[in-house]
Amino acid sequence: KIEIALTKPANTAEDLALAYSPGVAEPVREIAKNPDDVYK
């Protein structure tokens, strides 16, 4: 009765670069500095 749905575009190489490597490193660093940013 349930499935996972995407909330961000994942159609281009640029999309994937933002969604995963290397772009994903930026929110990782922010959350490491301020755990409350996990909500952001």
Full PDB file with SEQRES, HELIX, SHEET, SSBOND, CRYST1, ORIGX, SCALE, CONECT and MASTER records, all heavy atoms in Angstrom:
SEQRES   1 A   40  LYS ILE GLU ILE ALA LEU THR LYS PRO ALA ASN THR ALA          
SEQRES   2 A   40  GLU ASP LEU ALA LEU ALA TYR SER PRO GLY VAL ALA GLU          
SEQRES   3 A   40  PRO VAL ARG GLU ILE ALA LYS ASN PRO ASP ASP VAL TYR          
SEQRES   4 A   40  LYS                                                          
HELIX    1 AA1 ALA A   13  ALA A   19  1                                   7    
HELIX    2 AA2 ALA A   25  LYS A   33  1                                   9    
HELIX    3 AA3 PRO A   35  TYR A   39  5                                   5    
CRYST1    1.000    1.000    1.000  90.00  90.00  90.00 P 1           1          
ORIGX1      1.000000  0.000000  0.000000        0.00000                         
ORIGX2      0.000000  1.000000  0.000000        0.00000                         
ORIGX3      0.000000  0.000000  1.000000        0.00000                         
SCALE1      1.000000  0.000000  0.000000        0.00000                         
SCALE2      0.000000  1.000000  0.000000        0.00000                         
SCALE3      0.000000  0.000000  1.000000        0.00000                         
ATOM      1  N   LYS A   1       0.795  -1.225   0.000  1.00  0.00           N  
ATOM      2  CA  LYS A   1       0.000   0.000   0.000  1.00  0.00           C  
ATOM      3  C   LYS A   1       0.830   1.279   0.000  1.00  0.00           C  
ATOM      4  O   LYS A   1       0.275   2.375  -0.064  1.00  0.00           O  
ATOM      5  CB  LYS A   1      -0.934   0.006   1.221  1.00  0.00           C  
ATOM      6  CG  LYS A   1      -1.943  -1.126   1.228  1.00  0.00           C  
ATOM      7  CD  LYS A   1      -2.973  -0.965   2.327  1.00  0.00           C  
ATOM      8  CE  LYS A   1      -2.428  -1.219   3.708  1.00  0.00           C  
ATOM      9  NZ  LYS A   1      -2.267  -2.652   4.015  1.00  0.00           N  
ATOM     10  N   ILE A   2       2.142   1.179   0.117  1.00  0.00           N  
ATOM     11  CA  ILE A   2       2.976   2.380   0.165  1.00  0.00           C  
ATOM     12  C   ILE A   2       4.172   2.212  -0.760  1.00  0.00           C  
ATOM     13  O   ILE A   2       4.538   1.100  -1.135  1.00  0.00           O  
ATOM     14  CB  ILE A   2       3.470   2.687   1.599  1.00  0.00           C  
ATOM     15  CG1 ILE A   2       4.293   1.525   2.169  1.00  0.00           C  
ATOM     16  CG2 ILE A   2       2.279   2.994   2.515  1.00  0.00           C  
ATOM     17  CD1 ILE A   2       4.928   1.819   3.512  1.00  0.00           C  
ATOM     18  N   GLU A   3       4.782   3.368  -1.127  1.00  0.00           N  
ATOM     19  CA  GLU A   3       5.987   3.358  -1.939  1.00  0.00           C  
ATOM     20  C   GLU A   3       6.809   4.594  -1.610  1.00  0.00           C  
ATOM     21  O   GLU A   3       6.320   5.525  -0.953  1.00  0.00           O  
ATOM     22  CB  GLU A   3       5.645   3.348  -3.436  1.00  0.00           C  
ATOM     23  CG  GLU A   3       4.947   4.613  -3.911  1.00  0.00           C  
ATOM     24  CD  GLU A   3       4.632   4.597  -5.397  1.00  0.00           C  
ATOM     25  OE1 GLU A   3       4.872   3.572  -6.053  1.00  0.00           O  
ATOM     26  OE2 GLU A   3       4.125   5.619  -5.893  1.00  0.00           O  
ATOM     27  N   ILE A   4       8.056   4.626  -2.059  1.00  0.00           N  
ATOM     28  CA  ILE A   4       8.915   5.794  -1.889  1.00  0.00           C  
ATOM     29  C   ILE A   4       8.758   6.692  -3.117  1.00  0.00           C  
ATOM     30  O   ILE A   4       8.822   6.233  -4.256  1.00  0.00           O  
ATOM     31  CB  ILE A   4      10.391   5.386  -1.743  1.00  0.00           C  
ATOM     32  CG1 ILE A   4      10.569   4.454  -0.532  1.00  0.00           C  
ATOM     33  CG2 ILE A   4      11.285   6.604  -1.618  1.00  0.00           C  
ATOM     34  CD1 ILE A   4      10.245   5.089   0.802  1.00  0.00           C  
ATOM     35  N   ALA A   5       8.550   7.976  -2.888  1.00  0.00           N  
ATOM     36  CA  ALA A   5       8.441   8.945  -3.987  1.00  0.00           C  
ATOM     37  C   ALA A   5       9.577   9.961  -3.877  1.00  0.00           C  
ATOM     38  O   ALA A   5       9.993  10.327  -2.774  1.00  0.00           O  
ATOM     39  CB  ALA A   5       7.100   9.655  -3.933  1.00  0.00           C  
ATOM     40  N   LEU A   6      10.094  10.419  -5.007  1.00  0.00           N  
ATOM     41  CA  LEU A   6      11.171  11.409  -5.020  1.00  0.00           C  
ATOM     42  C   LEU A   6      10.598  12.812  -4.859  1.00  0.00           C  
ATOM     43  O   LEU A   6       9.537  13.131  -5.407  1.00  0.00           O  
ATOM     44  CB  LEU A   6      11.954  11.317  -6.328  1.00  0.00           C  
ATOM     45  CG  LEU A   6      12.605   9.961  -6.634  1.00  0.00           C  
ATOM     46  CD1 LEU A   6      13.415  10.058  -7.918  1.00  0.00           C  
ATOM     47  CD2 LEU A   6      13.485   9.512  -5.483  1.00  0.00           C  
ATOM     48  N   THR A   7      11.290  13.654  -4.127  1.00  0.00           N  
ATOM     49  CA  THR A   7      10.866  15.041  -3.931  1.00  0.00           C  
ATOM     50  C   THR A   7      11.757  16.028  -4.687  1.00  0.00           C  
ATOM     51  O   THR A   7      11.489  17.227  -4.658  1.00  0.00           O  
ATOM     52  CB  THR A   7      10.885  15.407  -2.439  1.00  0.00           C  
ATOM     53  OG1 THR A   7      12.224  15.298  -1.935  1.00  0.00           O  
ATOM     54  CG2 THR A   7       9.963  14.487  -1.649  1.00  0.00           C  
ATOM     55  N   LYS A   8      12.807  15.544  -5.317  1.00  0.00           N  
ATOM     56  CA  LYS A   8      13.735  16.391  -6.064  1.00  0.00           C  
ATOM     57  C   LYS A   8      13.933  15.806  -7.461  1.00  0.00           C  
ATOM     58  O   LYS A   8      13.792  14.596  -7.664  1.00  0.00           O  
ATOM     59  CB  LYS A   8      15.101  16.461  -5.350  1.00  0.00           C  
ATOM     60  CG  LYS A   8      15.062  17.022  -3.927  1.00  0.00           C  
ATOM     61  CD  LYS A   8      14.678  18.495  -3.922  1.00  0.00           C  
ATOM     62  CE  LYS A   8      14.915  19.122  -2.552  1.00  0.00           C  
ATOM     63  NZ  LYS A   8      14.027  18.566  -1.510  1.00  0.00           N  
ATOM     64  N   PRO A   9      14.269  16.647  -8.453  1.00  0.00           N  
ATOM     65  CA  PRO A   9      14.530  16.122  -9.795  1.00  0.00           C  
ATOM     66  C   PRO A   9      15.772  15.242  -9.815  1.00  0.00           C  
ATOM     67  O   PRO A   9      16.726  15.469  -9.067  1.00  0.00           O  
ATOM     68  CB  PRO A   9      14.731  17.387 -10.634  1.00  0.00           C  
ATOM     69  CG  PRO A   9      15.116  18.445  -9.658  1.00  0.00           C  
ATOM     70  CD  PRO A   9      14.401  18.127  -8.383  1.00  0.00           C  
ATOM     71  N   ALA A  10      15.742  14.212 -10.637  1.00  0.00           N  
ATOM     72  CA  ALA A  10      16.880  13.292 -10.772  1.00  0.00           C  
ATOM     73  C   ALA A  10      16.992  12.855 -12.228  1.00  0.00           C  
ATOM     74  O   ALA A  10      17.127  11.671 -12.530  1.00  0.00           O  
ATOM     75  CB  ALA A  10      16.702  12.095  -9.847  1.00  0.00           C  
ATOM     76  N   ASN A  11      16.948  13.844 -13.132  1.00  0.00           N  
ATOM     77  CA  ASN A  11      16.877  13.543 -14.556  1.00  0.00           C  
ATOM     78  C   ASN A  11      18.179  13.787 -15.312  1.00  0.00           C  
ATOM     79  O   ASN A  11      18.384  13.240 -16.397  1.00  0.00           O  
ATOM     80  CB  ASN A  11      15.766  14.380 -15.199  1.00  0.00           C  
ATOM     81  CG  ASN A  11      14.404  14.106 -14.572  1.00  0.00           C  
ATOM     82  OD1 ASN A  11      14.057  12.945 -14.350  1.00  0.00           O  
ATOM     83  ND2 ASN A  11      13.663  15.157 -14.274  1.00  0.00           N  
ATOM     84  N   THR A  12      19.043  14.619 -14.760  1.00  0.00           N  
ATOM     85  CA  THR A  12      20.266  14.988 -15.470  1.00  0.00           C  
ATOM     86  C   THR A  12      21.485  14.656 -14.635  1.00  0.00           C  
ATOM     87  O   THR A  12      21.382  14.378 -13.431  1.00  0.00           O  
ATOM     88  CB  THR A  12      20.272  16.489 -15.785  1.00  0.00           C  
ATOM     89  OG1 THR A  12      20.372  17.227 -14.549  1.00  0.00           O  
ATOM     90  CG2 THR A  12      18.996  16.902 -16.523  1.00  0.00           C  
ATOM     91  N   ALA A  13      22.644  14.743 -15.290  1.00  0.00           N  
ATOM     92  CA  ALA A  13      23.898  14.532 -14.562  1.00  0.00           C  
ATOM     93  C   ALA A  13      24.057  15.566 -13.452  1.00  0.00           C  
ATOM     94  O   ALA A  13      24.556  15.259 -12.358  1.00  0.00           O  
ATOM     95  CB  ALA A  13      25.075  14.600 -15.540  1.00  0.00           C  
ATOM     96  N   GLU A  14      23.620  16.797 -13.714  1.00  0.00           N  
ATOM     97  CA  GLU A  14      23.708  17.844 -12.687  1.00  0.00           C  
ATOM     98  C   GLU A  14      22.796  17.533 -11.506  1.00  0.00           C  
ATOM     99  O   GLU A  14      23.188  17.724 -10.339  1.00  0.00           O  
ATOM    100  CB  GLU A  14      23.335  19.196 -13.276  1.00  0.00           C  
ATOM    101  CG  GLU A  14      23.481  20.334 -12.279  1.00  0.00           C  
ATOM    102  CD  GLU A  14      23.125  21.685 -12.877  1.00  0.00           C  
ATOM    103  OE1 GLU A  14      22.647  21.723 -14.025  1.00  0.00           O  
ATOM    104  OE2 GLU A  14      23.318  22.700 -12.185  1.00  0.00           O  
ATOM    105  N   ASP A  15      21.574  17.038 -11.799  1.00  0.00           N  
ATOM    106  CA  ASP A  15      20.669  16.636 -10.713  1.00  0.00           C  
ATOM    107  C   ASP A  15      21.318  15.589  -9.818  1.00  0.00           C  
ATOM    108  O   ASP A  15      21.274  15.682  -8.581  1.00  0.00           O  
ATOM    109  CB  ASP A  15      19.379  16.043 -11.294  1.00  0.00           C  
ATOM    110  CG  ASP A  15      18.517  17.075 -11.997  1.00  0.00           C  
ATOM    111  OD1 ASP A  15      18.681  18.282 -11.736  1.00  0.00           O  
ATOM    112  OD2 ASP A  15      17.663  16.654 -12.808  1.00  0.00           O  
ATOM    113  N   LEU A  16      21.924  14.585 -10.455  1.00  0.00           N  
ATOM    114  CA  LEU A  16      22.534  13.497  -9.673  1.00  0.00           C  
ATOM    115  C   LEU A  16      23.741  13.988  -8.891  1.00  0.00           C  
ATOM    116  O   LEU A  16      24.003  13.515  -7.775  1.00  0.00           O  
ATOM    117  CB  LEU A  16      22.911  12.345 -10.597  1.00  0.00           C  
ATOM    118  CG  LEU A  16      21.729  11.657 -11.302  1.00  0.00           C  
ATOM    119  CD1 LEU A  16      22.220  10.499 -12.161  1.00  0.00           C  
ATOM    120  CD2 LEU A  16      20.688  11.168 -10.308  1.00  0.00           C  
ATOM    121  N   ALA A  17      24.463  14.937  -9.456  1.00  0.00           N  
ATOM    122  CA  ALA A  17      25.619  15.495  -8.749  1.00  0.00           C  
ATOM    123  C   ALA A  17      25.181  16.253  -7.501  1.00  0.00           C  
ATOM    124  O   ALA A  17      25.868  16.244  -6.474  1.00  0.00           O  
ATOM    125  CB  ALA A  17      26.409  16.413  -9.682  1.00  0.00           C  
ATOM    126  N   LEU A  18      24.014  16.899  -7.572  1.00  0.00           N  
ATOM    127  CA  LEU A  18      23.481  17.599  -6.408  1.00  0.00           C  
ATOM    128  C   LEU A  18      22.869  16.621  -5.405  1.00  0.00           C  
ATOM    129  O   LEU A  18      23.032  16.770  -4.188  1.00  0.00           O  
ATOM    130  CB  LEU A  18      22.414  18.606  -6.857  1.00  0.00           C  
ATOM    131  CG  LEU A  18      22.912  19.816  -7.639  1.00  0.00           C  
ATOM    132  CD1 LEU A  18      21.745  20.585  -8.226  1.00  0.00           C  
ATOM    133  CD2 LEU A  18      23.768  20.730  -6.755  1.00  0.00           C  
ATOM    134  N   ALA A  19      22.178  15.618  -5.925  1.00  0.00           N  
ATOM    135  CA  ALA A  19      21.477  14.671  -5.054  1.00  0.00           C  
ATOM    136  C   ALA A  19      22.437  13.775  -4.290  1.00  0.00           C  
ATOM    137  O   ALA A  19      22.194  13.436  -3.126  1.00  0.00           O  
ATOM    138  CB  ALA A  19      20.528  13.816  -5.878  1.00  0.00           C  
ATOM    139  N   TYR A  20      23.518  13.384  -4.966  1.00  0.00           N  
ATOM    140  CA  TYR A  20      24.462  12.463  -4.325  1.00  0.00           C  
ATOM    141  C   TYR A  20      25.857  13.074  -4.405  1.00  0.00           C  
ATOM    142  O   TYR A  20      26.056  14.211  -3.993  1.00  0.00           O  
ATOM    143  CB  TYR A  20      24.341  11.069  -4.960  1.00  0.00           C  
ATOM    144  CG  TYR A  20      24.894   9.996  -4.055  1.00  0.00           C  
ATOM    145  CD1 TYR A  20      24.377   9.824  -2.762  1.00  0.00           C  
ATOM    146  CD2 TYR A  20      25.926   9.169  -4.460  1.00  0.00           C  
ATOM    147  CE1 TYR A  20      24.888   8.854  -1.914  1.00  0.00           C  
ATOM    148  CE2 TYR A  20      26.433   8.194  -3.623  1.00  0.00           C  
ATOM    149  CZ  TYR A  20      25.921   8.037  -2.348  1.00  0.00           C  
ATOM    150  OH  TYR A  20      26.431   7.089  -1.508  1.00  0.00           O  
ATOM    151  N   SER A  21      26.806  12.354  -4.907  1.00  0.00           N  
ATOM    152  CA  SER A  21      28.179  12.865  -4.887  1.00  0.00           C  
ATOM    153  C   SER A  21      28.437  13.767  -6.096  1.00  0.00           C  
ATOM    154  O   SER A  21      28.048  13.421  -7.226  1.00  0.00           O  
ATOM    155  CB  SER A  21      29.162  11.686  -4.903  1.00  0.00           C  
ATOM    156  OG  SER A  21      30.482  12.126  -4.839  1.00  0.00           O  
ATOM    157  N   PRO A  22      29.034  14.950  -5.892  1.00  0.00           N  
ATOM    158  CA  PRO A  22      29.646  15.464  -4.655  1.00  0.00           C  
ATOM    159  C   PRO A  22      28.723  16.354  -3.820  1.00  0.00           C  
ATOM    160  O   PRO A  22      29.057  16.712  -2.693  1.00  0.00           O  
ATOM    161  CB  PRO A  22      30.808  16.283  -5.192  1.00  0.00           C  
ATOM    162  CG  PRO A  22      30.279  16.864  -6.465  1.00  0.00           C  
ATOM    163  CD  PRO A  22      29.400  15.792  -7.074  1.00  0.00           C  
ATOM    164  N   GLY A  23      27.546  16.761  -4.385  1.00  0.00           N  
ATOM    165  CA  GLY A  23      26.723  17.771  -3.736  1.00  0.00           C  
ATOM    166  C   GLY A  23      26.239  17.410  -2.356  1.00  0.00           C  
ATOM    167  O   GLY A  23      26.083  18.281  -1.482  1.00  0.00           O  
ATOM    168  N   VAL A  24      25.986  16.133  -2.123  1.00  0.00           N  
ATOM    169  CA  VAL A  24      25.438  15.715  -0.839  1.00  0.00           C  
ATOM    170  C   VAL A  24      26.397  15.998   0.319  1.00  0.00           C  
ATOM    171  O   VAL A  24      25.979  16.090   1.478  1.00  0.00           O  
ATOM    172  CB  VAL A  24      25.065  14.211  -0.893  1.00  0.00           C  
ATOM    173  CG1 VAL A  24      26.305  13.323  -0.838  1.00  0.00           C  
ATOM    174  CG2 VAL A  24      24.091  13.854   0.220  1.00  0.00           C  
ATOM    175  N   ALA A  25      27.656  16.180   0.028  1.00  0.00           N  
ATOM    176  CA  ALA A  25      28.632  16.468   1.090  1.00  0.00           C  
ATOM    177  C   ALA A  25      28.322  17.773   1.816  1.00  0.00           C  
ATOM    178  O   ALA A  25      28.647  17.925   3.003  1.00  0.00           O  
ATOM    179  CB  ALA A  25      30.037  16.507   0.504  1.00  0.00           C  
ATOM    180  N   GLU A  26      27.693  18.729   1.106  1.00  0.00           N  
ATOM    181  CA  GLU A  26      27.452  20.034   1.723  1.00  0.00           C  
ATOM    182  C   GLU A  26      26.451  19.957   2.876  1.00  0.00           C  
ATOM    183  O   GLU A  26      26.730  20.457   3.975  1.00  0.00           O  
ATOM    184  CB  GLU A  26      27.010  21.039   0.660  1.00  0.00           C  
ATOM    185  CG  GLU A  26      28.053  21.267  -0.430  1.00  0.00           C  
ATOM    186  CD  GLU A  26      29.435  21.542   0.138  1.00  0.00           C  
ATOM    187  OE1 GLU A  26      29.549  22.311   1.127  1.00  0.00           O  
ATOM    188  OE2 GLU A  26      30.417  20.969  -0.387  1.00  0.00           O  
ATOM    189  N   PRO A  27      25.273  19.343   2.700  1.00  0.00           N  
ATOM    190  CA  PRO A  27      24.388  19.209   3.863  1.00  0.00           C  
ATOM    191  C   PRO A  27      24.973  18.305   4.947  1.00  0.00           C  
ATOM    192  O   PRO A  27      24.684  18.501   6.134  1.00  0.00           O  
ATOM    193  CB  PRO A  27      23.098  18.617   3.280  1.00  0.00           C  
ATOM    194  CG  PRO A  27      23.465  18.056   1.955  1.00  0.00           C  
ATOM    195  CD  PRO A  27      24.584  18.894   1.461  1.00  0.00           C  
ATOM    196  N   VAL A  28      25.787  17.331   4.562  1.00  0.00           N  
ATOM    197  CA  VAL A  28      26.453  16.489   5.569  1.00  0.00           C  
ATOM    198  C   VAL A  28      27.298  17.352   6.489  1.00  0.00           C  
ATOM    199  O   VAL A  28      27.256  17.226   7.723  1.00  0.00           O  
ATOM    200  CB  VAL A  28      27.317  15.405   4.889  1.00  0.00           C  
ATOM    201  CG1 VAL A  28      28.217  14.723   5.917  1.00  0.00           C  
ATOM    202  CG2 VAL A  28      26.431  14.368   4.202  1.00  0.00           C  
ATOM    203  N   ARG A  29      28.089  18.256   5.902  1.00  0.00           N  
ATOM    204  CA  ARG A  29      28.952  19.134   6.710  1.00  0.00           C  
ATOM    205  C   ARG A  29      28.124  20.048   7.607  1.00  0.00           C  
ATOM    206  O   ARG A  29      28.476  20.288   8.772  1.00  0.00           O  
ATOM    207  CB  ARG A  29      29.852  19.965   5.791  1.00  0.00           C  
ATOM    208  CG  ARG A  29      30.904  19.159   5.032  1.00  0.00           C  
ATOM    209  CD  ARG A  29      31.854  20.086   4.277  1.00  0.00           C  
ATOM    210  NE  ARG A  29      32.851  19.338   3.527  1.00  0.00           N  
ATOM    211  CZ  ARG A  29      32.803  19.133   2.210  1.00  0.00           C  
ATOM    212  NH1 ARG A  29      31.800  19.644   1.488  1.00  0.00           N  
ATOM    213  NH2 ARG A  29      33.743  18.434   1.604  1.00  0.00           N  
ATOM    214  N   GLU A  30      27.017  20.555   7.056  1.00  0.00           N  
ATOM    215  CA  GLU A  30      26.179  21.459   7.850  1.00  0.00           C  
ATOM    216  C   GLU A  30      25.547  20.742   9.039  1.00  0.00           C  
ATOM    217  O   GLU A  30      25.483  21.282  10.146  1.00  0.00           O  
ATOM    218  CB  GLU A  30      25.096  22.067   6.955  1.00  0.00           C  
ATOM    219  CG  GLU A  30      25.619  22.982   5.861  1.00  0.00           C  
ATOM    220  CD  GLU A  30      26.433  24.131   6.410  1.00  0.00           C  
ATOM    221  OE1 GLU A  30      25.922  24.838   7.320  1.00  0.00           O  
ATOM    222  OE2 GLU A  30      27.588  24.317   5.963  1.00  0.00           O  
ATOM    223  N   ILE A  31      25.071  19.523   8.820  1.00  0.00           N  
ATOM    224  CA  ILE A  31      24.455  18.759   9.907  1.00  0.00           C  
ATOM    225  C   ILE A  31      25.494  18.367  10.950  1.00  0.00           C  
ATOM    226  O   ILE A  31      25.211  18.361  12.157  1.00  0.00           O  
ATOM    227  CB  ILE A  31      23.727  17.516   9.346  1.00  0.00           C  
ATOM    228  CG1 ILE A  31      22.545  17.955   8.469  1.00  0.00           C  
ATOM    229  CG2 ILE A  31      23.239  16.596  10.467  1.00  0.00           C  
ATOM    230  CD1 ILE A  31      21.932  16.844   7.630  1.00  0.00           C  
ATOM    231  N   ALA A  32      26.700  18.051  10.508  1.00  0.00           N  
ATOM    232  CA  ALA A  32      27.767  17.713  11.454  1.00  0.00           C  
ATOM    233  C   ALA A  32      28.076  18.900  12.364  1.00  0.00           C  
ATOM    234  O   ALA A  32      28.355  18.728  13.558  1.00  0.00           O  
ATOM    235  CB  ALA A  32      29.026  17.286  10.703  1.00  0.00           C  
ATOM    236  N   LYS A  33      28.009  20.112  11.811  1.00  0.00           N  
ATOM    237  CA  LYS A  33      28.267  21.314  12.608  1.00  0.00           C  
ATOM    238  C   LYS A  33      27.066  21.654  13.499  1.00  0.00           C  
ATOM    239  O   LYS A  33      27.240  22.088  14.641  1.00  0.00           O  
ATOM    240  CB  LYS A  33      28.568  22.502  11.681  1.00  0.00           C  
ATOM    241  CG  LYS A  33      29.928  22.447  11.009  1.00  0.00           C  
ATOM    242  CD  LYS A  33      30.244  23.731  10.261  1.00  0.00           C  
ATOM    243  CE  LYS A  33      29.295  23.944   9.090  1.00  0.00           C  
ATOM    244  NZ  LYS A  33      29.666  25.148   8.291  1.00  0.00           N  
ATOM    245  N   ASN A  34      25.858  21.449  12.973  1.00  0.00           N  
ATOM    246  CA  ASN A  34      24.640  21.804  13.705  1.00  0.00           C  
ATOM    247  C   ASN A  34      23.594  20.716  13.479  1.00  0.00           C  
ATOM    248  O   ASN A  34      22.898  20.719  12.461  1.00  0.00           O  
ATOM    249  CB  ASN A  34      24.096  23.152  13.230  1.00  0.00           C  
ATOM    250  CG  ASN A  34      22.797  23.515  13.942  1.00  0.00           C  
ATOM    251  OD1 ASN A  34      22.459  22.960  14.989  1.00  0.00           O  
ATOM    252  ND2 ASN A  34      22.059  24.452  13.356  1.00  0.00           N  
ATOM    253  N   PRO A  35      23.459  19.774  14.410  1.00  0.00           N  
ATOM    254  CA  PRO A  35      22.549  18.644  14.215  1.00  0.00           C  
ATOM    255  C   PRO A  35      21.111  19.042  13.891  1.00  0.00           C  
ATOM    256  O   PRO A  35      20.401  18.302  13.201  1.00  0.00           O  
ATOM    257  CB  PRO A  35      22.633  17.887  15.543  1.00  0.00           C  
ATOM    258  CG  PRO A  35      23.999  18.194  16.047  1.00  0.00           C  
ATOM    259  CD  PRO A  35      24.254  19.617  15.648  1.00  0.00           C  
ATOM    260  N   ASP A  36      20.656  20.201  14.367  1.00  0.00           N  
ATOM    261  CA  ASP A  36      19.296  20.627  14.074  1.00  0.00           C  
ATOM    262  C   ASP A  36      19.063  20.870  12.587  1.00  0.00           C  
ATOM    263  O   ASP A  36      17.914  20.863  12.117  1.00  0.00           O  
ATOM    264  CB  ASP A  36      18.955  21.906  14.847  1.00  0.00           C  
ATOM    265  CG  ASP A  36      18.624  21.623  16.302  1.00  0.00           C  
ATOM    266  OD1 ASP A  36      18.454  20.437  16.658  1.00  0.00           O  
ATOM    267  OD2 ASP A  36      18.546  22.583  17.095  1.00  0.00           O  
ATOM    268  N   ASP A  37      20.145  21.056  11.842  1.00  0.00           N  
ATOM    269  CA  ASP A  37      20.003  21.257  10.402  1.00  0.00           C  
ATOM    270  C   ASP A  37      19.511  20.003   9.677  1.00  0.00           C  
ATOM    271  O   ASP A  37      19.168  20.068   8.491  1.00  0.00           O  
ATOM    272  CB  ASP A  37      21.330  21.723   9.788  1.00  0.00           C  
ATOM    273  CG  ASP A  37      21.530  23.221   9.925  1.00  0.00           C  
ATOM    274  OD1 ASP A  37      20.568  23.919  10.322  1.00  0.00           O  
ATOM    275  OD2 ASP A  37      22.638  23.715   9.641  1.00  0.00           O  
ATOM    276  N   VAL A  38      19.471  18.875  10.383  1.00  0.00           N  
ATOM    277  CA  VAL A  38      18.914  17.668   9.774  1.00  0.00           C  
ATOM    278  C   VAL A  38      17.455  17.906   9.371  1.00  0.00           C  
ATOM    279  O   VAL A  38      16.962  17.326   8.398  1.00  0.00           O  
ATOM    280  CB  VAL A  38      19.037  16.459  10.729  1.00  0.00           C  
ATOM    281  CG1 VAL A  38      18.098  16.577  11.913  1.00  0.00           C  
ATOM    282  CG2 VAL A  38      18.803  15.147   9.993  1.00  0.00           C  
ATOM    283  N   TYR A  39      16.779  18.785  10.128  1.00  0.00           N  
ATOM    284  CA  TYR A  39      15.387  19.107   9.788  1.00  0.00           C  
ATOM    285  C   TYR A  39      15.305  19.986   8.540  1.00  0.00           C  
ATOM    286  O   TYR A  39      14.307  19.981   7.833  1.00  0.00           O  
ATOM    287  CB  TYR A  39      14.719  19.817  10.963  1.00  0.00           C  
ATOM    288  CG  TYR A  39      14.471  18.912  12.142  1.00  0.00           C  
ATOM    289  CD1 TYR A  39      15.350  18.890  13.218  1.00  0.00           C  
ATOM    290  CD2 TYR A  39      13.366  18.075  12.188  1.00  0.00           C  
ATOM    291  CE1 TYR A  39      15.129  18.057  14.308  1.00  0.00           C  
ATOM    292  CE2 TYR A  39      13.132  17.243  13.266  1.00  0.00           C  
ATOM    293  CZ  TYR A  39      14.018  17.234  14.328  1.00  0.00           C  
ATOM    294  OH  TYR A  39      13.804  16.399  15.390  1.00  0.00           O  
ATOM    295  N   LYS A  40      16.357  20.727   8.270  1.00  0.00           N  
ATOM    296  CA  LYS A  40      16.388  21.622   7.108  1.00  0.00           C  
ATOM    297  C   LYS A  40      16.726  20.885   5.826  1.00  0.00           C  
ATOM    298  O   LYS A  40      16.191  21.186   4.751  1.00  0.00           O  
ATOM    299  CB  LYS A  40      17.398  22.741   7.356  1.00  0.00           C  
ATOM    300  CG  LYS A  40      17.506  23.773   6.249  1.00  0.00           C  
ATOM    301  CD  LYS A  40      18.480  24.868   6.639  1.00  0.00           C  
ATOM    302  CE  LYS A  40      18.581  25.942   5.557  1.00  0.00           C  
ATOM    303  NZ  LYS A  40      19.543  27.017   5.938  1.00  0.00           N  
TER     304      LYS A  40                                                      
MASTER        0    0    0    3    0    0    0    6  303    1    0    4          
END                                                                             
